[in-house]
């Protein structure tokens, strides 16, 4: 979404893969893991502070996630 709104703030050449664990995002676990992430932060999961893999991010995908009418 930042790529869509403020691309000047994003340097995709620095994007790197983070922690990717299907169990973390499983429907039975996601609420608990999200709350734990807010409480203890991302570092216990991913040393680089990244969850998932942002390397495929695009401004177009970000615009699709923005609420209308501010789709840019």
Protein backbone atom coordinates (compact mmCIF):
# COMPACT_ATOMS: atom_id res chain seq x y z
CA UNK A 1 0.00 0.00 0.00
CA UNK A 2 2.93 2.33 0.64
CA UNK A 3 4.14 1.65 -2.91
CA UNK A 4 0.76 2.88 -4.14
CA UNK A 5 0.55 5.95 -1.90
CA UNK A 6 4.18 7.02 -1.34
CA UNK A 7 6.52 5.13 -3.68
CA UNK A 8 9.26 7.63 -2.82
CA UNK A 9 9.47 6.01 0.64
CA UNK A 10 10.13 2.51 -0.70
CA UNK A 11 13.44 1.10 -1.90
CA UNK A 12 12.57 -2.31 -3.34
CA UNK A 13 16.26 -3.04 -3.91
CA UNK A 14 16.51 -3.49 -0.13
CA UNK A 15 13.50 -5.82 0.11
CA UNK A 16 14.40 -9.25 1.43
CA UNK A 17 12.60 -12.42 2.33
CA UNK A 18 11.42 -12.66 5.90
CA UNK A 19 10.03 -15.40 8.08
CA UNK A 20 7.48 -17.46 6.20
CA UNK A 21 5.61 -20.11 8.14
CA UNK A 22 2.24 -21.41 6.97
CA UNK A 23 1.29 -22.42 10.52
CA UNK A 24 1.63 -18.78 11.65
CA UNK A 25 -1.06 -17.72 9.17
CA UNK A 26 -3.34 -20.74 9.64
CA UNK A 27 -6.91 -19.69 10.49
CA UNK A 28 -6.74 -21.36 13.90
CA UNK A 29 -3.53 -19.49 14.79
CA UNK A 30 -3.68 -16.11 13.10
CA UNK A 31 -5.53 -14.11 15.79
CA UNK A 32 -3.29 -15.40 18.57
CA UNK A 33 -0.12 -14.86 16.55
CA UNK A 34 -1.13 -11.37 15.49
CA UNK A 35 -1.77 -10.41 19.11
CA UNK A 36 1.52 -11.95 20.20
CA UNK A 37 3.26 -10.02 17.43
CA UNK A 38 1.79 -6.76 18.72
CA UNK A 39 2.85 -7.58 22.28
CA UNK A 40 6.38 -8.94 21.73
CA UNK A 41 7.12 -7.62 18.25
CA UNK A 42 8.24 -9.38 15.10
CA UNK A 43 11.86 -10.04 16.11
CA UNK A 44 11.08 -13.30 17.97
CA UNK A 45 9.74 -14.63 14.67
CA UNK A 46 12.08 -12.98 12.17
CA UNK A 47 15.53 -11.63 12.97
CA UNK A 48 15.28 -9.15 10.09
CA UNK A 49 11.88 -7.89 11.28
CA UNK A 50 10.04 -9.06 8.16
CA UNK A 51 7.08 -11.42 8.04
CA UNK A 52 6.52 -12.96 4.63
CA UNK A 53 8.26 -11.98 1.42
CA UNK A 54 7.78 -8.38 0.25
CA UNK A 55 9.94 -8.80 -2.85
CA UNK A 56 6.91 -9.34 -5.08
CA UNK A 57 5.09 -6.24 -3.86
CA UNK A 58 3.72 -3.83 -6.46
CA UNK A 59 1.93 -0.49 -6.40
CA UNK A 60 -0.95 -2.12 -8.31
CA UNK A 61 -1.41 -4.76 -5.60
CA UNK A 62 -1.29 -2.02 -2.97
CA UNK A 63 -4.01 -0.04 -4.76
CA UNK A 64 -6.24 -3.11 -4.72
CA UNK A 65 -5.96 -3.22 -0.92
CA UNK A 66 -6.80 0.46 -0.43
CA UNK A 67 -10.39 1.27 0.46
CA UNK A 68 -12.40 3.03 -2.26
CA UNK A 69 -12.55 5.82 -3.39
CA UNK A 70 -8.91 6.39 -2.47
CA UNK A 71 -7.72 3.63 -4.79
CA UNK A 72 -4.91 5.38 -6.55
